[in-house]
């Protein structure tokens, strides 16, 4: 079951990387991976704005600036590939 989950995550990572390739190279730009924040904002702008607003308004210091901003700037394709690798390498061996 974990192998299937790893395959799905890797497929999503490859799909996102290919979509980023088509979007940037087709326009004549250098290859850029899309960050998580940009993908979430494009999919659900109201939800993204409310989550980021709540994240920034929290009383925990340094939660948004170093932690949240870094997480939202990570490339989605690489995060999905890393999750797939984590699931694959931690699966039970026979």
PDB file of N, CA and C in Angstrom:
ATOM      1  N   UNK A   1       0.814  -1.190   0.000  1.00  0.00           N
ATOM      2  CA  UNK A   1       0.000   0.000   0.000  1.00  0.00           C
ATOM      3  C   UNK A   1       0.865   1.265   0.000  1.00  0.00           C
ATOM      4  N   UNK A   2       1.958   1.199   0.770  1.00  0.00           N
ATOM      5  CA  UNK A   2       2.855   2.355   0.782  1.00  0.00           C
ATOM      6  C   UNK A   2       3.548   2.533  -0.556  1.00  0.00           C
ATOM      7  N   UNK A   3       3.804   1.442  -1.223  1.00  0.00           N
ATOM      8  CA  UNK A   3       4.400   1.526  -2.550  1.00  0.00           C
ATOM      9  C   UNK A   3       3.486   2.249  -3.532  1.00  0.00           C
ATOM     10  N   UNK A   4       2.202   1.980  -3.424  1.00  0.00           N
ATOM     11  CA  UNK A   4       1.220   2.652  -4.275  1.00  0.00           C
ATOM     12  C   UNK A   4       1.150   4.139  -3.955  1.00  0.00           C
ATOM     13  N   UNK A   5       1.167   4.480  -2.666  1.00  0.00           N
ATOM     14  CA  UNK A   5       1.158   5.885  -2.258  1.00  0.00           C
ATOM     15  C   UNK A   5       2.416   6.601  -2.751  1.00  0.00           C
ATOM     16  N   UNK A   6       3.556   5.929  -2.647  1.00  0.00           N
ATOM     17  CA  UNK A   6       4.810   6.516  -3.137  1.00  0.00           C
ATOM     18  C   UNK A   6       4.750   6.723  -4.645  1.00  0.00           C
ATOM     19  N   UNK A   7       4.177   5.777  -5.368  1.00  0.00           N
ATOM     20  CA  UNK A   7       4.050   5.913  -6.819  1.00  0.00           C
ATOM     21  C   UNK A   7       3.126   7.067  -7.198  1.00  0.00           C
ATOM     22  N   UNK A   8       2.029   7.217  -6.458  1.00  0.00           N
ATOM     23  CA  UNK A   8       1.105   8.325  -6.725  1.00  0.00           C
ATOM     24  C   UNK A   8       1.783   9.658  -6.456  1.00  0.00           C
ATOM     25  N   UNK A   9       2.482   9.775  -5.331  1.00  0.00           N
ATOM     26  CA  UNK A   9       3.182  11.021  -5.009  1.00  0.00           C
ATOM     27  C   UNK A   9       4.268  11.336  -6.037  1.00  0.00           C
ATOM     28  N   UNK A  10       4.997  10.325  -6.472  1.00  0.00           N
ATOM     29  CA  UNK A  10       6.037  10.555  -7.474  1.00  0.00           C
ATOM     30  C   UNK A  10       5.421  10.948  -8.811  1.00  0.00           C
ATOM     31  N   UNK A  11       4.298  10.340  -9.153  1.00  0.00           N
ATOM     32  CA  UNK A  11       3.597  10.728 -10.375  1.00  0.00           C
ATOM     33  C   UNK A  11       3.132  12.174 -10.324  1.00  0.00           C
ATOM     34  N   UNK A  12       2.602  12.592  -9.176  1.00  0.00           N
ATOM     35  CA  UNK A  12       2.195  13.990  -9.010  1.00  0.00           C
ATOM     36  C   UNK A  12       3.391  14.933  -9.090  1.00  0.00           C
ATOM     37  N   UNK A  13       4.511  14.505  -8.516  1.00  0.00           N
ATOM     38  CA  UNK A  13       5.721  15.339  -8.582  1.00  0.00           C
ATOM     39  C   UNK A  13       6.202  15.489 -10.027  1.00  0.00           C
ATOM     40  N   UNK A  14       6.201  14.411 -10.771  1.00  0.00           N
ATOM     41  CA  UNK A  14       6.625  14.479 -12.170  1.00  0.00           C
ATOM     42  C   UNK A  14       5.652  15.306 -13.003  1.00  0.00           C
ATOM     43  N   UNK A  15       4.350  15.161 -12.721  1.00  0.00           N
ATOM     44  CA  UNK A  15       3.348  15.950 -13.431  1.00  0.00           C
ATOM     45  C   UNK A  15       3.539  17.437 -13.161  1.00  0.00           C
ATOM     46  N   UNK A  16       3.784  17.813 -11.890  1.00  0.00           N
ATOM     47  CA  UNK A  16       3.978  19.225 -11.546  1.00  0.00           C
ATOM     48  C   UNK A  16       5.265  19.758 -12.178  1.00  0.00           C
ATOM     49  N   UNK A  17       6.315  18.941 -12.187  1.00  0.00           N
ATOM     50  CA  UNK A  17       7.581  19.364 -12.804  1.00  0.00           C
ATOM     51  C   UNK A  17       7.405  19.555 -14.309  1.00  0.00           C
ATOM     52  N   UNK A  18       6.648  18.677 -14.946  1.00  0.00           N
ATOM     53  CA  UNK A  18       6.398  18.820 -16.383  1.00  0.00           C
ATOM     54  C   UNK A  18       5.544  20.045 -16.674  1.00  0.00           C
ATOM     55  N   UNK A  19       4.561  20.314 -15.823  1.00  0.00           N
ATOM     56  CA  UNK A  19       3.736  21.508 -16.002  1.00  0.00           C
ATOM     57  C   UNK A  19       4.563  22.777 -15.829  1.00  0.00           C
ATOM     58  N   UNK A  20       5.467  22.767 -14.858  1.00  0.00           N
ATOM     59  CA  UNK A  20       6.364  23.915 -14.670  1.00  0.00           C
ATOM     60  C   UNK A  20       7.290  24.082 -15.867  1.00  0.00           C
ATOM     61  N   UNK A  21       7.755  22.963 -16.417  1.00  0.00           N
ATOM     62  CA  UNK A  21       8.624  23.003 -17.590  1.00  0.00           C
ATOM     63  C   UNK A  21       7.895  23.651 -18.764  1.00  0.00           C
ATOM     64  N   UNK A  22       6.671  23.206 -19.008  1.00  0.00           N
ATOM     65  CA  UNK A  22       5.902  23.748 -20.122  1.00  0.00           C
ATOM     66  C   UNK A  22       5.593  25.230 -19.931  1.00  0.00           C
ATOM     67  N   UNK A  23       5.331  25.634 -18.699  1.00  0.00           N
ATOM     68  CA  UNK A  23       4.971  27.026 -18.424  1.00  0.00           C
ATOM     69  C   UNK A  23       6.164  27.965 -18.566  1.00  0.00           C
ATOM     70  N   UNK A  24       7.350  27.522 -18.187  1.00  0.00           N
ATOM     71  CA  UNK A  24       8.492  28.429 -18.208  1.00  0.00           C
ATOM     72  C   UNK A  24       9.275  28.365 -19.512  1.00  0.00           C
ATOM     73  N   UNK A  25       9.546  27.194 -20.001  1.00  0.00           N
ATOM     74  CA  UNK A  25      10.347  27.065 -21.217  1.00  0.00           C
ATOM     75  C   UNK A  25       9.558  27.541 -22.431  1.00  0.00           C
ATOM     76  N   UNK A  26       8.257  27.303 -22.436  1.00  0.00           N
ATOM     77  CA  UNK A  26       7.428  27.754 -23.544  1.00  0.00           C
ATOM     78  C   UNK A  26       7.399  29.264 -23.677  1.00  0.00           C
ATOM     79  N   UNK A  27       7.616  29.958 -22.576  1.00  0.00           N
ATOM     80  CA  UNK A  27       7.628  31.414 -22.586  1.00  0.00           C
ATOM     81  C   UNK A  27       9.026  31.975 -22.826  1.00  0.00           C
ATOM     82  N   UNK A  28      10.034  31.123 -22.882  1.00  0.00           N
ATOM     83  CA  UNK A  28      11.395  31.579 -23.116  1.00  0.00           C
ATOM     84  C   UNK A  28      12.162  31.897 -21.846  1.00  0.00           C
ATOM     85  N   UNK A  29      11.618  31.513 -20.687  1.00  0.00           N
ATOM     86  CA  UNK A  29      12.285  31.759 -19.415  1.00  0.00           C
ATOM     87  C   UNK A  29      13.128  30.560 -19.024  1.00  0.00           C
ATOM     88  N   UNK A  30      13.977  30.770 -18.032  1.00  0.00           N
ATOM     89  CA  UNK A  30      14.718  29.647 -17.466  1.00  0.00           C
ATOM     90  C   UNK A  30      13.742  28.769 -16.681  1.00  0.00           C
ATOM     91  N   UNK A  31      14.074  27.506 -16.529  1.00  0.00           N
ATOM     92  CA  UNK A  31      13.190  26.556 -15.849  1.00  0.00           C
ATOM     93  C   UNK A  31      13.065  26.933 -14.378  1.00  0.00           C
ATOM     94  N   UNK A  32      11.839  27.158 -13.940  1.00  0.00           N
ATOM     95  CA  UNK A  32      11.551  27.493 -12.547  1.00  0.00           C
ATOM     96  C   UNK A  32      10.459  26.574 -12.026  1.00  0.00           C
ATOM     97  N   UNK A  33      10.656  26.077 -10.823  1.00  0.00           N
ATOM     98  CA  UNK A  33       9.636  25.267 -10.177  1.00  0.00           C
ATOM     99  C   UNK A  33       8.682  26.180  -9.417  1.00  0.00           C
ATOM    100  N   UNK A  34       7.414  25.851  -9.427  1.00  0.00           N
ATOM    101  CA  UNK A  34       6.395  26.668  -8.776  1.00  0.00           C
ATOM    102  C   UNK A  34       6.389  26.392  -7.278  1.00  0.00           C
ATOM    103  N   UNK A  35       6.411  27.451  -6.451  1.00  0.00           N
ATOM    104  CA  UNK A  35       6.362  27.242  -5.003  1.00  0.00           C
ATOM    105  C   UNK A  35       4.980  26.807  -4.528  1.00  0.00           C
ATOM    106  N   UNK A  36       4.946  26.202  -3.356  1.00  0.00           N
ATOM    107  CA  UNK A  36       3.705  25.706  -2.773  1.00  0.00           C
ATOM    108  C   UNK A  36       2.695  26.837  -2.611  1.00  0.00           C
ATOM    109  N   UNK A  37       3.141  27.971  -2.103  1.00  0.00           N
ATOM    110  CA  UNK A  37       2.237  29.091  -1.862  1.00  0.00           C
ATOM    111  C   UNK A  37       1.541  29.569  -3.118  1.00  0.00           C
ATOM    112  N   UNK A  38       2.261  29.610  -4.212  1.00  0.00           N
ATOM    113  CA  UNK A  38       1.667  30.064  -5.474  1.00  0.00           C
ATOM    114  C   UNK A  38       0.623  29.076  -5.983  1.00  0.00           C
ATOM    115  N   UNK A  39       0.867  27.800  -5.814  1.00  0.00           N
ATOM    116  CA  UNK A  39      -0.091  26.781  -6.256  1.00  0.00           C
ATOM    117  C   UNK A  39      -1.363  26.845  -5.413  1.00  0.00           C
ATOM    118  N   UNK A  40      -1.207  26.984  -4.102  1.00  0.00           N
ATOM    119  CA  UNK A  40      -2.375  27.066  -3.220  1.00  0.00           C
ATOM    120  C   UNK A  40      -3.155  28.351  -3.493  1.00  0.00           C
ATOM    121  N   UNK A  41      -2.445  29.449  -3.706  1.00  0.00           N
ATOM    122  CA  UNK A  41      -3.113  30.712  -3.983  1.00  0.00           C
ATOM    123  C   UNK A  41      -3.904  30.660  -5.284  1.00  0.00           C
ATOM    124  N   UNK A  42      -3.373  29.987  -6.287  1.00  0.00           N
ATOM    125  CA  UNK A  42      -4.085  29.868  -7.561  1.00  0.00           C
ATOM    126  C   UNK A  42      -5.312  28.958  -7.430  1.00  0.00           C
ATOM    127  N   UNK A  43      -5.218  27.941  -6.582  1.00  0.00           N
ATOM    128  CA  UNK A  43      -6.324  27.001  -6.429  1.00  0.00           C
ATOM    129  C   UNK A  43      -7.442  27.548  -5.554  1.00  0.00           C
ATOM    130  N   UNK A  44      -7.089  28.224  -4.454  1.00  0.00           N
ATOM    131  CA  UNK A  44      -8.092  28.731  -3.513  1.00  0.00           C
ATOM    132  C   UNK A  44      -7.617  30.053  -2.925  1.00  0.00           C
ATOM    133  N   UNK A  45      -7.836  31.158  -3.631  1.00  0.00           N
ATOM    134  CA  UNK A  45      -7.297  32.446  -3.168  1.00  0.00           C
ATOM    135  C   UNK A  45      -7.855  32.922  -1.828  1.00  0.00           C
ATOM    136  N   UNK A  46      -9.153  32.704  -1.572  1.00  0.00           N
ATOM    137  CA  UNK A  46      -9.738  33.161  -0.308  1.00  0.00           C
ATOM    138  C   UNK A  46      -9.188  32.365   0.869  1.00  0.00           C
ATOM    139  N   UNK A  47      -9.118  31.071   0.695  1.00  0.00           N
ATOM    140  CA  UNK A  47      -8.582  30.208   1.748  1.00  0.00           C
ATOM    141  C   UNK A  47      -7.120  30.523   2.006  1.00  0.00           C
ATOM    142  N   UNK A  48      -6.367  30.722   0.937  1.00  0.00           N
ATOM    143  CA  UNK A  48      -4.950  31.055   1.075  1.00  0.00           C
ATOM    144  C   UNK A  48      -4.771  32.354   1.852  1.00  0.00           C
ATOM    145  N   UNK A  49      -5.558  33.364   1.520  1.00  0.00           N
ATOM    146  CA  UNK A  49      -5.449  34.657   2.206  1.00  0.00           C
ATOM    147  C   UNK A  49      -5.804  34.531   3.683  1.00  0.00           C
ATOM    148  N   UNK A  50      -6.832  33.763   3.995  1.00  0.00           N
ATOM    149  CA  UNK A  50      -7.216  33.625   5.404  1.00  0.00           C
ATOM    150  C   UNK A  50      -6.185  32.818   6.195  1.00  0.00           C
ATOM    151  N   UNK A  51      -5.636  31.778   5.585  1.00  0.00           N
ATOM    152  CA  UNK A  51      -4.626  30.970   6.276  1.00  0.00           C
ATOM    153  C   UNK A  51      -3.356  31.787   6.507  1.00  0.00           C
ATOM    154  N   UNK A  52      -2.906  32.503   5.496  1.00  0.00           N
ATOM    155  CA  UNK A  52      -1.692  33.311   5.645  1.00  0.00           C
ATOM    156  C   UNK A  52      -1.933  34.438   6.648  1.00  0.00           C
ATOM    157  N   UNK A  53      -3.115  35.056   6.620  1.00  0.00           N
ATOM    158  CA  UNK A  53      -3.443  36.101   7.590  1.00  0.00           C
ATOM    159  C   UNK A  53      -3.425  35.574   9.014  1.00  0.00           C
ATOM    160  N   UNK A  54      -4.000  34.405   9.218  1.00  0.00           N
ATOM    161  CA  UNK A  54      -3.993  33.800  10.552  1.00  0.00           C
ATOM    162  C   UNK A  54      -2.587  33.398  10.966  1.00  0.00           C
ATOM    163  N   UNK A  55      -1.810  32.927  10.014  1.00  0.00           N
ATOM    164  CA  UNK A  55      -0.436  32.519  10.297  1.00  0.00           C
ATOM    165  C   UNK A  55       0.404  33.722  10.721  1.00  0.00           C
ATOM    166  N   UNK A  56       0.206  34.846  10.049  1.00  0.00           N
ATOM    167  CA  UNK A  56       0.950  36.058  10.383  1.00  0.00           C
ATOM    168  C   UNK A  56       0.484  36.679  11.696  1.00  0.00           C
ATOM    169  N   UNK A  57      -0.802  36.523  12.034  1.00  0.00           N
ATOM    170  CA  UNK A  57      -1.361  37.156  13.224  1.00  0.00           C
ATOM    171  C   UNK A  57      -1.169  36.331  14.493  1.00  0.00           C
ATOM    172  N   UNK A  58      -0.561  35.188  14.409  1.00  0.00           N
ATOM    173  CA  UNK A  58      -0.386  34.347  15.589  1.00  0.00           C
ATOM    174  C   UNK A  58       0.552  35.015  16.593  1.00  0.00           C
ATOM    175  N   UNK A  59       0.395  34.648  17.843  1.00  0.00           N
ATOM    176  CA  UNK A  59       1.225  35.249  18.889  1.00  0.00           C
ATOM    177  C   UNK A  59       2.585  34.571  19.018  1.00  0.00           C
ATOM    178  N   UNK A  60       2.794  33.496  18.285  1.00  0.00           N
ATOM    179  CA  UNK A  60       4.078  32.803  18.336  1.00  0.00           C
ATOM    180  C   UNK A  60       5.092  33.589  17.502  1.00  0.00           C
ATOM    181  N   UNK A  61       6.163  34.058  18.134  1.00  0.00           N
ATOM    182  CA  UNK A  61       7.145  34.817  17.360  1.00  0.00           C
ATOM    183  C   UNK A  61       7.902  33.895  16.398  1.00  0.00           C
ATOM    184  N   UNK A  62       8.277  34.447  15.292  1.00  0.00           N
ATOM    185  CA  UNK A  62       9.054  33.747  14.267  1.00  0.00           C
ATOM    186  C   UNK A  62       8.302  32.622  13.583  1.00  0.00           C
ATOM    187  N   UNK A  63       6.991  32.528  13.784  1.00  0.00           N
ATOM    188  CA  UNK A  63       6.259  31.444  13.121  1.00  0.00           C
ATOM    189  C   UNK A  63       6.074  31.740  11.637  1.00  0.00           C
ATOM    190  N   UNK A  64       5.758  32.968  11.280  1.00  0.00           N
ATOM    191  CA  UNK A  64       5.567  33.268   9.874  1.00  0.00           C
ATOM    192  C   UNK A  64       6.883  33.540   9.160  1.00  0.00           C
ATOM    193  N   UNK A  65       7.655  34.499   9.688  1.00  0.00           N
ATOM    194  CA  UNK A  65       8.808  34.979   8.928  1.00  0.00           C
ATOM    195  C   UNK A  65       9.810  33.897   8.586  1.00  0.00           C
ATOM    196  N   UNK A  66      10.451  33.211   9.490  1.00  0.00           N
ATOM    197  CA  UNK A  66      11.375  32.197   8.993  1.00  0.00           C
ATOM    198  C   UNK A  66      10.707  30.876   8.628  1.00  0.00           C
ATOM    199  N   UNK A  67       9.692  30.464   9.376  1.00  0.00           N
ATOM    200  CA  UNK A  67       9.132  29.130   9.168  1.00  0.00           C
ATOM    201  C   UNK A  67       8.092  29.119   8.048  1.00  0.00           C
ATOM    202  N   UNK A  68       7.046  29.912   8.193  1.00  0.00           N
ATOM    203  CA  UNK A  68       5.954  29.906   7.223  1.00  0.00           C
ATOM    204  C   UNK A  68       6.367  30.372   5.842  1.00  0.00           C
ATOM    205  N   UNK A  69       7.136  31.440   5.794  1.00  0.00           N
ATOM    206  CA  UNK A  69       7.572  31.952   4.494  1.00  0.00           C
ATOM    207  C   UNK A  69       8.468  30.942   3.777  1.00  0.00           C
ATOM    208  N   UNK A  70       9.300  30.250   4.536  1.00  0.00           N
ATOM    209  CA  UNK A  70      10.163  29.230   3.934  1.00  0.00           C
ATOM    210  C   UNK A  70       9.351  28.057   3.415  1.00  0.00           C
ATOM    211  N   UNK A  71       8.375  27.602   4.198  1.00  0.00           N
ATOM    212  CA  UNK A  71       7.533  26.486   3.755  1.00  0.00           C
ATOM    213  C   UNK A  71       6.738  26.831   2.508  1.00  0.00           C
ATOM    214  N   UNK A  72       6.201  28.039   2.444  1.00  0.00           N
ATOM    215  CA  UNK A  72       5.416  28.439   1.281  1.00  0.00           C
ATOM    216  C   UNK A  72       6.278  28.709   0.053  1.00  0.00           C
ATOM    217  N   UNK A  73       7.577  28.872   0.236  1.00  0.00           N
ATOM    218  CA  UNK A  73       8.465  29.125  -0.894  1.00  0.00           C
ATOM    219  C   UNK A  73       9.101  27.849  -1.453  1.00  0.00           C
ATOM    220  N   UNK A  74       8.877  26.715  -0.798  1.00  0.00           N
ATOM    221  CA  UNK A  74       9.456  25.458  -1.283  1.00  0.00           C
ATOM    222  C   UNK A  74       8.802  25.039  -2.595  1.00  0.00           C
ATOM    223  N   UNK A  75       9.572  24.505  -3.529  1.00  0.00           N
ATOM    224  CA  UNK A  75       8.993  24.048  -4.794  1.00  0.00           C
ATOM    225  C   UNK A  75       8.110  22.815  -4.586  1.00  0.00           C
ATOM    226  N   UNK A  76       6.897  22.872  -5.097  1.00  0.00           N
ATOM    227  CA  UNK A  76       5.930  21.797  -4.889  1.00  0.00           C
ATOM    228  C   UNK A  76       6.411  20.471  -5.469  1.00  0.00           C
ATOM    229  N   UNK A  77       7.007  20.480  -6.629  1.00  0.00           N
ATOM    230  CA  UNK A  77       7.453  19.228  -7.255  1.00  0.00           C
ATOM    231  C   UNK A  77       8.510  18.533  -6.393  1.00  0.00           C
ATOM    232  N   UNK A  78       9.421  19.300  -5.826  1.00  0.00           N
ATOM    233  CA  UNK A  78      10.465  18.701  -4.993  1.00  0.00           C
ATOM    234  C   UNK A  78       9.914  18.208  -3.663  1.00  0.00           C
ATOM    235  N   UNK A  79       8.937  18.904  -3.113  1.00  0.00           N
ATOM    236  CA  UNK A  79       8.315  18.462  -1.862  1.00  0.00           C
ATOM    237  C   UNK A  79       7.568  17.153  -2.095  1.00  0.00           C
ATOM    238  N   UNK A  80       6.824  17.048  -3.179  1.00  0.00           N
ATOM    239  CA  UNK A  80       6.120  15.805  -3.482  1.00  0.00           C
ATOM    240  C   UNK A  80       7.091  14.661  -3.729  1.00  0.00           C
ATOM    241  N   UNK A  81       8.190  14.927  -4.415  1.00  0.00           N
ATOM    242  CA  UNK A  81       9.195  13.889  -4.661  1.00  0.00           C
ATOM    243  C   UNK A  81       9.855  13.451  -3.348  1.00  0.00           C
ATOM    244  N   UNK A  82      10.119  14.395  -2.459  1.00  0.00           N
ATOM    245  CA  UNK A  82      10.719  14.057  -1.166  1.00  0.00           C
ATOM    246  C   UNK A  82       9.746  13.227  -0.324  1.00  0.00           C
ATOM    247  N   UNK A  83       8.466  13.576  -0.341  1.00  0.00           N
ATOM    248  CA  UNK A  83       7.474  12.781   0.379  1.00  0.00           C
ATOM    249  C   UNK A  83       7.373  11.371  -0.198  1.00  0.00           C
ATOM    250  N   UNK A  84       7.432  11.257  -1.515  1.00  0.00           N
ATOM    251  CA  UNK A  84       7.388   9.939  -2.154  1.00  0.00           C
ATOM    252  C   UNK A  84       8.605   9.110  -1.739  1.00  0.00           C
ATOM    253  N   UNK A  85       9.766   9.731  -1.713  1.00  0.00           N
ATOM    254  CA  UNK A  85      10.979   9.020  -1.297  1.00  0.00           C
ATOM    255  C   UNK A  85      10.894   8.612   0.170  1.00  0.00           C
ATOM    256  N   UNK A  86      10.357   9.487   1.013  1.00  0.00           N
ATOM    257  CA  UNK A  86      10.214   9.170   2.434  1.00  0.00           C
ATOM    258  C   UNK A  86       9.268   7.987   2.630  1.00  0.00           C
ATOM    259  N   UNK A  87       8.147   7.989   1.936  1.00  0.00           N
ATOM    260  CA  UNK A  87       7.201   6.873   2.036  1.00  0.00           C
ATOM    261  C   UNK A  87       7.827   5.597   1.482  1.00  0.00           C
ATOM    262  N   UNK A  88       8.552   5.696   0.397  1.00  0.00           N
ATOM    263  CA  UNK A  88       9.164   4.518  -0.226  1.00  0.00           C
ATOM    264  C   UNK A  88      10.234   3.898   0.668  1.00  0.00           C
ATOM    265  N   UNK A  89      11.089   4.728   1.250  1.00  0.00           N
ATOM    266  CA  UNK A  89      12.199   4.194   2.044  1.00  0.00           C
ATOM    267  C   UNK A  89      11.791   3.755   3.437  1.00  0.00           C
ATOM    268  N   UNK A  90      10.644   4.205   3.925  1.00  0.00           N
ATOM    269  CA  UNK A  90      10.200   3.786   5.260  1.00  0.00           C
ATOM    270  C   UNK A  90       9.165   2.682   5.200  1.00  0.00           C
ATOM    271  N   UNK A  91       8.903   2.119   4.027  1.00  0.00           N
ATOM    272  CA  UNK A  91       7.922   1.050   3.928  1.00  0.00           C
ATOM    273  C   UNK A  91       8.491  -0.242   4.528  1.00  0.00           C
ATOM    274  N   UNK A  92       7.607  -1.126   4.871  1.00  0.00           N
ATOM    275  CA  UNK A  92       8.027  -2.403   5.458  1.00  0.00           C
ATOM    276  C   UNK A  92       8.594  -3.315   4.372  1.00  0.00           C
ATOM    277  N   UNK A  93       9.724  -3.893   4.656  1.00  0.00           N
ATOM    278  CA  UNK A  93      10.381  -4.821   3.713  1.00  0.00           C
ATOM    279  C   UNK A  93       9.999  -6.241   4.083  1.00  0.00           C
ATOM    280  N   UNK A  94       9.934  -7.113   3.110  1.00  0.00           N
ATOM    281  CA  UNK A  94       9.597  -8.522   3.375  1.00  0.00           C
ATOM    282  C   UNK A  94      10.834  -9.328   3.597  1.00  0.00           C
TER     283      UNK A  94
END
